Protein backbone atom coordinates (compact mmCIF):
# COMPACT_ATOMS: atom_id res chain seq x y z
CA UNK A 1 -48.83 -47.14 -25.58
CA UNK A 2 -46.22 -44.59 -26.68
CA UNK A 3 -43.22 -44.03 -24.38
CA UNK A 4 -44.35 -40.39 -24.45
CA UNK A 5 -47.78 -41.17 -22.99
CA UNK A 6 -47.44 -38.25 -20.56
CA UNK A 7 -47.22 -35.90 -23.54
CA UNK A 8 -50.38 -37.30 -25.12
CA UNK A 9 -52.27 -34.43 -23.58
CA UNK A 10 -53.10 -30.82 -24.43
CA UNK A 11 -50.97 -27.85 -23.43
CA UNK A 12 -53.87 -26.28 -21.56
CA UNK A 13 -54.16 -29.24 -19.20
CA UNK A 14 -50.66 -28.52 -17.91
CA UNK A 15 -51.62 -24.86 -17.73
CA UNK A 16 -54.49 -25.76 -15.40
CA UNK A 17 -52.25 -27.99 -13.28
CA UNK A 18 -49.74 -25.17 -12.89
CA UNK A 19 -52.45 -22.70 -11.88
CA UNK A 20 -54.00 -25.18 -9.45
CA UNK A 21 -50.65 -25.89 -7.80
CA UNK A 22 -49.99 -22.19 -7.35
CA UNK A 23 -53.50 -21.53 -6.05
CA UNK A 24 -53.58 -24.52 -3.72
CA UNK A 25 -56.57 -26.27 -5.35
CA UNK A 26 -54.62 -29.08 -7.04
CA UNK A 27 -55.54 -31.62 -4.36
CA UNK A 28 -59.28 -31.01 -4.25
CA UNK A 29 -61.15 -34.31 -4.71
CA UNK A 30 -62.91 -34.36 -8.08
CA UNK A 31 -65.00 -36.64 -10.25
CA UNK A 32 -64.80 -36.43 -14.04
CA UNK A 33 -67.12 -38.33 -16.38
CA UNK A 34 -66.96 -39.29 -20.04
CA UNK A 35 -70.28 -39.29 -21.90
CA UNK A 36 -71.82 -38.19 -25.17
CA UNK A 37 -74.68 -35.72 -25.42
CA UNK A 38 -75.99 -37.31 -28.61
CA UNK A 39 -75.31 -40.22 -30.94
CA UNK A 40 -74.06 -39.63 -34.50
CA UNK A 41 -76.82 -38.92 -36.97
CA UNK A 42 -78.71 -42.10 -37.87
CA UNK A 43 -77.30 -44.20 -35.05
CA UNK A 44 -79.45 -45.99 -32.45
CA UNK A 45 -76.63 -47.09 -30.12
CA UNK A 46 -72.87 -46.95 -29.69
CA UNK A 47 -70.33 -49.57 -28.61
CA UNK A 48 -67.70 -48.92 -25.94
CA UNK A 49 -64.18 -49.86 -27.09
CA UNK A 50 -60.65 -48.97 -26.12
CA UNK A 51 -61.05 -49.33 -22.35
CA UNK A 52 -58.18 -51.80 -21.97
CA UNK A 53 -55.90 -49.58 -24.07
CA UNK A 54 -56.87 -46.57 -21.98
CA UNK A 55 -56.24 -48.31 -18.67
CA UNK A 56 -52.81 -49.30 -19.95
CA UNK A 57 -52.19 -45.68 -20.95
CA UNK A 58 -53.22 -44.33 -17.55
CA UNK A 59 -50.92 -46.81 -15.82
CA UNK A 60 -47.96 -45.68 -17.94
CA UNK A 61 -48.80 -41.96 -17.82
CA UNK A 62 -45.58 -40.38 -16.54
CA UNK A 63 -42.76 -37.98 -17.44
CA UNK A 64 -39.05 -38.68 -17.77
CA UNK A 65 -36.22 -36.17 -17.46
CA UNK A 66 -36.00 -35.43 -21.18
CA UNK A 67 -39.72 -34.80 -21.49
CA UNK A 68 -39.70 -32.50 -18.45
CA UNK A 69 -36.70 -30.61 -19.81
CA UNK A 70 -38.59 -30.10 -23.06
CA UNK A 71 -41.63 -28.72 -21.21
CA UNK A 72 -39.51 -26.33 -19.15
CA UNK A 73 -37.41 -25.19 -22.12
CA UNK A 74 -40.57 -24.42 -24.11
CA UNK A 75 -42.10 -22.52 -21.22
CA UNK A 76 -45.00 -24.94 -20.93
CA UNK A 77 -44.53 -25.39 -17.16
CA UNK A 78 -42.64 -23.67 -14.35
CA UNK A 79 -40.19 -25.32 -11.95
CA UNK A 80 -42.85 -26.08 -9.33
CA UNK A 81 -45.03 -27.87 -11.87
CA UNK A 82 -41.99 -29.66 -13.27
CA UNK A 83 -41.18 -31.10 -9.85
CA UNK A 84 -44.79 -32.19 -9.40
CA UNK A 85 -44.87 -33.88 -12.81
CA UNK A 86 -41.62 -35.72 -12.09
CA UNK A 87 -43.44 -37.69 -9.39
CA UNK A 88 -46.74 -38.04 -11.27
CA UNK A 89 -48.54 -41.34 -11.02
CA UNK A 90 -52.31 -41.59 -11.09
CA UNK A 91 -53.45 -42.73 -7.64
CA UNK A 92 -57.21 -42.42 -8.04
CA UNK A 93 -60.08 -44.65 -9.15
CA UNK A 94 -61.43 -45.34 -12.61
CA UNK A 95 -64.61 -47.22 -13.44
CA UNK A 96 -67.02 -47.34 -16.34
CA UNK A 97 -68.83 -49.38 -18.97
CA UNK A 98 -67.01 -52.57 -19.91
CA UNK A 99 -65.63 -52.96 -23.40
CA UNK A 100 -68.32 -54.38 -25.61
CA UNK A 101 -71.09 -52.62 -23.71
CA UNK A 102 -73.68 -50.56 -25.57
CA UNK A 103 -73.93 -46.87 -24.69
CA UNK A 104 -76.57 -44.21 -25.27
CA UNK A 105 -76.74 -40.41 -24.92
CA UNK A 106 -75.82 -39.49 -21.36
CA UNK A 107 -74.34 -42.88 -20.47
CA UNK A 108 -71.52 -42.40 -17.90
CA UNK A 109 -69.09 -44.46 -19.97
CA UNK A 110 -66.08 -43.57 -17.79
CA UNK A 111 -65.74 -42.13 -14.29
CA UNK A 112 -62.37 -40.81 -13.11
CA UNK A 113 -62.01 -39.88 -9.46
CA UNK A 114 -58.89 -38.31 -7.97
CA UNK A 115 -57.34 -34.97 -7.20
CA UNK A 116 -58.07 -32.23 -9.70
CA UNK A 117 -54.48 -32.08 -10.91
CA UNK A 118 -53.97 -35.79 -11.47
CA UNK A 119 -57.39 -36.34 -13.07
CA UNK A 120 -57.49 -33.31 -15.36
CA UNK A 121 -54.31 -34.52 -17.09
CA UNK A 122 -56.15 -37.61 -18.36
CA UNK A 123 -58.79 -35.76 -20.40
CA UNK A 124 -57.15 -35.86 -23.81
CA UNK A 125 -55.81 -39.39 -23.48
CA UNK A 126 -59.22 -40.68 -22.38
CA UNK A 127 -61.07 -38.95 -25.18
CA UNK A 128 -58.63 -39.77 -27.96
CA UNK A 129 -58.68 -43.50 -27.14
CA UNK A 130 -62.39 -43.88 -26.42
CA UNK A 131 -63.61 -41.62 -29.22
CA UNK A 132 -61.57 -43.41 -31.87
CA UNK A 133 -62.01 -47.00 -30.77
CA UNK A 134 -65.71 -46.65 -29.93
CA UNK A 135 -66.41 -45.02 -33.30
CA UNK A 136 -64.80 -47.94 -35.11
CA UNK A 137 -66.45 -50.58 -32.92
CA UNK A 138 -69.85 -48.92 -33.32
CA UNK A 139 -69.55 -48.97 -37.11
CA UNK A 140 -68.20 -52.54 -37.08
CA UNK A 141 -71.10 -53.75 -34.94
CA UNK A 142 -73.62 -52.33 -37.42
CA UNK A 143 -71.79 -53.98 -40.31
CA UNK A 144 -71.35 -57.35 -38.60
CA UNK A 145 -74.99 -57.39 -37.55
CA UNK A 146 -76.05 -56.57 -41.11
CA UNK A 147 -73.74 -59.24 -42.54
CA UNK A 148 -75.30 -61.92 -40.35
CA UNK A 149 -73.47 -65.24 -40.66
CA UNK A 150 -71.19 -63.98 -43.43
CA UNK A 151 -67.52 -63.41 -42.60
CA UNK A 152 -66.31 -59.81 -42.22
CA UNK A 153 -62.61 -59.01 -42.73
CA UNK A 154 -61.20 -55.63 -41.66
CA UNK A 155 -58.93 -54.38 -44.47
CA UNK A 156 -58.60 -50.66 -43.77
CA UNK A 157 -55.02 -50.24 -42.58
CA UNK A 158 -53.98 -48.25 -45.66
CA UNK A 159 -56.82 -45.79 -45.11
CA UNK A 160 -55.73 -44.44 -41.74
CA UNK A 161 -52.65 -43.60 -39.61
CA UNK A 162 -50.37 -46.58 -39.10
CA UNK A 163 -50.96 -46.74 -35.33
CA UNK A 164 -54.66 -45.95 -35.66
CA UNK A 165 -54.84 -48.93 -38.02
CA UNK A 166 -53.78 -51.29 -35.24
CA UNK A 167 -56.31 -49.85 -32.79
CA UNK A 168 -58.99 -49.91 -35.48
CA UNK A 169 -58.37 -53.57 -36.23
CA UNK A 170 -58.75 -54.38 -32.53
CA UNK A 171 -61.95 -52.33 -32.27
CA UNK A 172 -63.43 -53.86 -35.41
CA UNK A 173 -62.80 -57.36 -34.04
CA UNK A 174 -64.47 -56.33 -30.79
CA UNK A 175 -67.38 -55.03 -32.85
CA UNK A 176 -67.94 -58.41 -34.48
CA UNK A 177 -65.52 -58.64 -37.41
CA UNK A 178 -63.90 -62.05 -37.82
CA UNK A 179 -60.36 -61.08 -38.77
CA UNK A 180 -58.05 -58.31 -39.96
CA UNK A 181 -55.38 -57.87 -42.59
CA UNK A 182 -53.24 -55.95 -40.04
CA UNK A 183 -50.40 -58.09 -38.76
CA UNK A 184 -49.51 -55.77 -35.87
CA UNK A 185 -53.04 -56.21 -34.50
CA UNK A 186 -52.49 -59.93 -34.65
CA UNK A 187 -49.29 -59.75 -32.65
CA UNK A 188 -50.34 -57.11 -30.11
CA UNK A 189 -53.96 -58.05 -29.54
CA UNK A 190 -54.39 -61.59 -30.81
CA UNK A 191 -56.81 -60.60 -33.58
CA UNK A 192 -56.97 -63.36 -36.25
CA UNK A 193 -55.26 -62.23 -39.46
CA UNK A 194 -55.93 -63.17 -43.06
CA UNK A 195 -55.09 -62.00 -46.57
CA UNK A 196 -55.98 -62.62 -50.20
CA UNK A 197 -53.94 -61.22 -53.12
CA UNK A 198 -53.16 -57.91 -54.82
CA UNK A 199 -53.78 -56.78 -58.37
CA UNK A 200 -50.06 -56.07 -58.60
CA UNK A 201 -49.39 -59.80 -58.23
CA UNK A 202 -51.44 -60.52 -61.34
CA UNK A 203 -49.87 -57.62 -63.24
CA UNK A 204 -46.41 -58.89 -62.35
CA UNK A 205 -47.01 -61.89 -64.60
CA UNK A 206 -47.48 -61.88 -68.35
CA UNK A 207 -50.54 -64.09 -68.06
CA UNK A 208 -53.24 -64.22 -65.39
CA UNK A 209 -52.95 -68.00 -65.36
CA UNK A 210 -49.26 -67.77 -64.46
CA UNK A 211 -50.06 -65.57 -61.45
CA UNK A 212 -52.81 -67.92 -60.27
CA UNK A 213 -50.63 -71.00 -60.75
CA UNK A 214 -47.74 -69.52 -58.76
CA UNK A 215 -50.08 -68.51 -55.92
CA UNK A 216 -51.69 -71.94 -55.75
CA UNK A 217 -48.28 -73.64 -55.80
CA UNK A 218 -47.12 -71.46 -52.92
CA UNK A 219 -50.29 -71.43 -50.80
CA UNK A 220 -52.35 -74.43 -51.88
CA UNK A 221 -55.73 -74.72 -53.55
CA UNK A 222 -57.44 -73.29 -50.46
CA UNK A 223 -56.11 -69.85 -51.31
CA UNK A 224 -58.22 -66.90 -52.50
CA UNK A 225 -57.62 -65.73 -56.07
CA UNK A 226 -58.35 -62.16 -57.11
CA UNK A 227 -60.27 -62.46 -60.38
CA UNK A 228 -61.16 -58.90 -61.38
CA UNK A 229 -57.83 -57.56 -62.68
CA UNK A 230 -59.05 -58.09 -66.24
CA UNK A 231 -62.28 -59.81 -67.29
CA UNK A 232 -64.03 -61.36 -64.28
CA UNK A 233 -65.71 -64.25 -66.09
CA UNK A 234 -62.44 -65.17 -67.77
CA UNK A 235 -60.64 -64.77 -64.44
CA UNK A 236 -63.01 -67.23 -62.74
CA UNK A 237 -62.65 -69.72 -65.58
CA UNK A 238 -58.86 -69.48 -65.38
CA UNK A 239 -58.86 -69.75 -61.58
CA UNK A 240 -60.82 -73.02 -61.60
CA UNK A 241 -58.78 -74.35 -64.49
CA UNK A 242 -55.55 -73.73 -62.55
CA UNK A 243 -56.66 -74.66 -59.02
CA UNK A 244 -59.37 -77.16 -59.80
CA UNK A 245 -62.89 -77.30 -58.32
CA UNK A 246 -61.45 -77.32 -54.80
CA UNK A 247 -60.36 -73.68 -55.06
CA UNK A 248 -60.87 -71.96 -51.70
CA UNK A 249 -62.30 -68.62 -52.82
CA UNK A 250 -62.40 -65.89 -55.43
CA UNK A 251 -62.39 -62.21 -54.59
CA UNK A 252 -64.12 -59.49 -56.60
CA UNK A 253 -63.09 -55.94 -55.76
CA UNK A 254 -64.98 -53.75 -58.25
CA UNK A 255 -68.10 -53.37 -60.33
CA UNK A 256 -71.77 -54.00 -59.57
CA UNK A 257 -71.07 -56.44 -56.78
CA UNK A 258 -74.60 -57.79 -56.41
CA UNK A 259 -74.86 -58.69 -60.10
CA UNK A 260 -71.32 -59.99 -60.23
CA UNK A 261 -71.85 -62.21 -57.17
CA UNK A 262 -74.83 -63.93 -58.81
CA UNK A 263 -72.92 -64.37 -62.07
CA UNK A 264 -69.84 -65.68 -60.26
CA UNK A 265 -71.86 -68.19 -58.25
CA UNK A 266 -73.57 -69.52 -61.35
CA UNK A 267 -70.28 -69.80 -63.22
CA UNK A 268 -68.45 -71.48 -60.32
CA UNK A 269 -71.25 -74.02 -59.88
CA UNK A 270 -71.27 -74.75 -63.60
CA UNK A 271 -67.51 -75.39 -63.44
CA UNK A 272 -68.00 -77.80 -60.55
CA UNK A 273 -66.51 -75.43 -57.95
CA UNK A 274 -69.61 -75.54 -55.80
CA UNK A 275 -67.63 -75.15 -52.58
CA UNK A 276 -65.56 -72.18 -53.74
CA UNK A 277 -66.43 -69.14 -51.64
CA UNK A 278 -67.08 -65.65 -52.98
CA UNK A 279 -65.42 -62.71 -51.24
CA UNK A 280 -66.48 -59.17 -52.08
CA UNK A 281 -64.62 -55.95 -51.33
CA UNK A 282 -64.51 -52.39 -52.61
CA UNK A 283 -65.89 -49.41 -50.67
CA UNK A 284 -68.36 -51.47 -48.67
CA UNK A 285 -70.29 -50.14 -45.68
CA UNK A 286 -73.30 -51.28 -43.65
CA UNK A 287 -75.75 -50.00 -46.28
CA UNK A 288 -74.08 -51.79 -49.18
CA UNK A 289 -73.92 -54.94 -47.05
CA UNK A 290 -77.67 -54.65 -46.50
CA UNK A 291 -78.16 -54.30 -50.26
CA UNK A 292 -76.14 -57.48 -50.80
CA UNK A 293 -78.22 -59.53 -48.35
CA UNK A 294 -79.80 -61.68 -51.08
CA UNK A 295 -76.60 -62.09 -53.10
CA UNK A 296 -74.67 -65.40 -52.89
CA UNK A 297 -71.76 -63.98 -50.88
CA UNK A 298 -69.62 -65.76 -48.29
CA UNK A 299 -67.40 -62.98 -46.98
CA UNK A 300 -66.84 -59.24 -47.11
CA UNK A 301 -63.62 -57.26 -46.99
CA UNK A 302 -64.32 -53.83 -45.52
CA UNK A 303 -61.76 -51.06 -45.44
CA UNK A 304 -62.24 -47.30 -45.39
CA UNK A 305 -65.72 -47.22 -43.91
CA UNK A 306 -64.97 -49.27 -40.82
CA UNK A 307 -61.66 -47.62 -39.84
CA UNK A 308 -63.24 -44.17 -40.22
CA UNK A 309 -66.39 -45.00 -38.27
CA UNK A 310 -68.53 -45.15 -41.41
CA UNK A 311 -69.19 -41.43 -41.50
CA UNK A 312 -68.86 -40.93 -37.73
CA UNK A 313 -65.09 -40.88 -37.02
CA UNK A 314 -65.64 -39.92 -33.38
CA UNK A 315 -68.10 -41.17 -30.78
CA UNK A 316 -68.68 -37.60 -29.60
CA UNK A 317 -67.47 -38.25 -26.06
CA UNK A 318 -66.64 -35.35 -23.74
CA UNK A 319 -64.76 -35.38 -20.40
CA UNK A 320 -66.47 -33.16 -17.84
CA UNK A 321 -65.99 -32.29 -14.19
CA UNK A 322 -69.22 -33.24 -12.39
CA UNK A 323 -68.29 -33.19 -8.70
CA UNK A 324 -65.86 -31.28 -6.44
CA UNK A 325 -65.41 -32.38 -2.82
CA UNK A 326 -68.79 -34.13 -2.98
CA UNK A 327 -70.59 -31.09 -4.43
CA UNK A 328 -72.27 -31.41 -7.81
CA UNK A 329 -71.00 -29.01 -10.50
CA UNK A 330 -72.27 -28.64 -14.05
CA UNK A 331 -71.64 -26.71 -17.22
CA UNK A 332 -74.68 -24.63 -18.20
CA UNK A 333 -73.68 -23.13 -21.54
CA UNK A 334 -76.23 -23.39 -24.34
CA UNK A 335 -76.03 -26.63 -26.40
CA UNK A 336 -73.16 -27.90 -24.25
CA UNK A 337 -74.74 -28.32 -20.86
CA UNK A 338 -74.02 -31.24 -18.56
CA UNK A 339 -75.65 -32.83 -15.52
CA UNK A 340 -73.76 -32.31 -12.31
CA UNK A 341 -73.12 -35.06 -9.79
CA UNK A 342 -71.64 -38.53 -10.02
CA UNK A 343 -73.77 -40.97 -12.04
CA UNK A 344 -74.62 -44.61 -11.44
CA UNK A 345 -76.20 -46.59 -14.28
CA UNK A 346 -78.16 -49.78 -14.76
CA UNK A 347 -80.08 -51.32 -17.63
CA UNK A 348 -83.63 -52.51 -17.15
CA UNK A 349 -85.01 -55.60 -18.90
CA UNK A 350 -88.29 -57.41 -19.38
CA UNK A 351 -88.62 -60.95 -18.06
CA UNK A 352 -87.85 -62.10 -21.62
CA UNK A 353 -84.43 -60.41 -21.43
CA UNK A 354 -85.24 -57.53 -23.77
CA UNK A 355 -83.80 -54.21 -22.60
CA UNK A 356 -86.42 -51.52 -21.95
CA UNK A 357 -84.50 -48.52 -20.60
CA UNK A 358 -81.27 -47.22 -19.17
CA UNK A 359 -81.67 -45.79 -15.68
CA UNK A 360 -79.09 -43.30 -14.39
CA UNK A 361 -78.97 -42.20 -10.79
CA UNK A 362 -77.49 -38.76 -10.16
CA UNK A 363 -75.71 -38.68 -6.78
CA UNK A 364 -77.95 -41.57 -5.75
CA UNK A 365 -78.02 -45.23 -6.67
CA UNK A 366 -80.98 -45.93 -8.98
CA UNK A 367 -83.68 -48.14 -7.54
CA UNK A 368 -82.92 -51.68 -8.69
CA UNK A 369 -85.58 -54.12 -9.85
CA UNK A 370 -85.53 -57.75 -10.83
CA UNK A 371 -83.81 -58.14 -14.19
CA UNK A 372 -81.75 -54.96 -13.85
CA UNK A 373 -78.06 -55.10 -14.71
CA UNK A 374 -75.43 -52.73 -13.31
CA UNK A 375 -73.41 -51.20 -16.13
CA UNK A 376 -70.30 -49.83 -14.43
CA UNK A 377 -67.36 -51.95 -13.36
CA UNK A 378 -64.04 -50.99 -11.69
CA UNK A 379 -60.89 -50.64 -13.83
CA UNK A 380 -58.42 -48.93 -11.46
CA UNK A 381 -58.52 -48.65 -7.68
CA UNK A 382 -56.05 -46.48 -5.79
CA UNK A 383 -53.94 -46.23 -8.92
CA UNK A 384 -53.67 -50.01 -9.31
CA UNK A 385 -54.96 -51.70 -12.44
CA UNK A 386 -57.51 -54.45 -11.97
CA UNK A 387 -57.85 -57.51 -14.18
CA UNK A 388 -59.98 -56.82 -17.23
CA UNK A 389 -61.80 -59.29 -19.49
CA UNK A 390 -59.95 -60.54 -22.56
CA UNK A 391 -60.70 -59.08 -25.99
CA UNK A 392 -62.48 -62.31 -26.92
CA UNK A 393 -64.65 -62.11 -23.79
CA UNK A 394 -65.52 -58.48 -24.53
CA UNK A 395 -66.46 -59.45 -28.08
CA UNK A 396 -68.75 -62.17 -26.77
CA UNK A 397 -70.26 -59.70 -24.31
CA UNK A 398 -71.22 -57.34 -27.14
CA UNK A 399 -72.80 -60.17 -29.12
CA UNK A 400 -74.97 -60.97 -26.11
CA UNK A 401 -75.86 -57.34 -25.38
CA UNK A 402 -77.00 -56.79 -28.96
CA UNK A 403 -79.44 -59.70 -28.65
CA UNK A 404 -81.12 -57.88 -25.74
CA UNK A 405 -81.87 -54.71 -27.71
CA UNK A 406 -85.34 -54.32 -29.24
CA UNK A 407 -85.28 -55.24 -32.93
CA UNK A 408 -85.98 -51.66 -34.01
CA UNK A 409 -82.92 -50.55 -32.06
CA UNK A 410 -80.73 -52.48 -34.51
CA UNK A 411 -82.22 -50.83 -37.60
CA UNK A 412 -79.96 -48.85 -39.95
CA UNK A 413 -82.64 -46.24 -40.48
CA UNK A 414 -82.81 -43.02 -38.48
CA UNK A 415 -84.77 -43.05 -35.28
CA UNK A 416 -84.65 -42.71 -31.54
CA UNK A 417 -81.96 -44.44 -29.46
CA UNK A 418 -82.45 -48.19 -29.09
CA UNK A 419 -83.87 -47.69 -25.58
CA UNK A 420 -84.76 -44.51 -23.66
CA UNK A 421 -82.72 -43.11 -20.78
CA UNK A 422 -84.33 -41.98 -17.54
CA UNK A 423 -82.76 -40.21 -14.56
CA UNK A 424 -83.31 -40.56 -10.84
CA UNK A 425 -82.20 -38.21 -8.09
CA UNK A 426 -82.21 -35.09 -10.27
CA UNK A 427 -83.33 -32.02 -8.35
């Protein structure tokens, strides 16, 4: 997280803290929840991602002398608030859906409990992390599920902010992608990294064969050669001529990819390169992957669509106050209403393991049955971070959860959420 984590918040949150300190309501015990009122258009489920990054951010949320001086000089806070912020450390509790869990409209994805002042400061940080990472993971899960056993490589770093690119690579891996081109994600989060070649490499050389030969000499015959800088058929012929039939892969980045994949496979086989893999890239999304299902493809490189949530760049999460001193409170404005009271959630399953509904108890624990699974787990207790699952474990968890959804809940077509949500304890 940034060394300025305490400033990763909105001006108005400090305004509310200042007013609460002056009024004497800053220490009232409150519960805030993160949820979405609806899924993006055409989506049947969402995937929670970014929890580990958020917990790290909450733990480091603080203000140093320079930051406080900036806030005072700009008139953002008064001296009383400045003194309070100087000692700020979150001391409350945070729980929610584990990374890699599926969420639906109304799911209490995150619950933050603490004093009003210390919890209200975490609104923007919570939403910026969860909205971004969950949007990417949700799109990645749809793509990976559509791709089936074919490899998916995240290649979208150049299509987003440099720091968002690292978070997006992590979220895409959580969502089911196999690797990323982003080296920072490899170092920070342990995401496997991979790369192919650029058109500029071919253009650097006078002949395509010279570029291929130099790449093979440097990286071995298992490398991936980019064959669509000029004529694709000629590029494939040259690639096999230079590397031999043991060439690792060819990548095609433009054109009618379905047609080209069939032509490339036939040509490679005819040249004896039957084990050479075909990698496709170029403005792919879950719908184009579905259209390529019958094409002889081994791997996909996906860029813009995955790092931007494939048309849904935010998960639509909101951060709302639902309880004050044990009393349920709720926003009632039209189209933006919320349910008051702390929520507890579980997922119900048939004896076969197929999920049937999400049950949310409002100020009461939902009645548990055989096969039910509690959805919320603790992340922070009394301000102390708890151990969280590894990224690999969260990725495996998502793979399992997706197998429990009804088949229609995985469809790319528009429809109702994968499973319905019911509430208990609502007056």
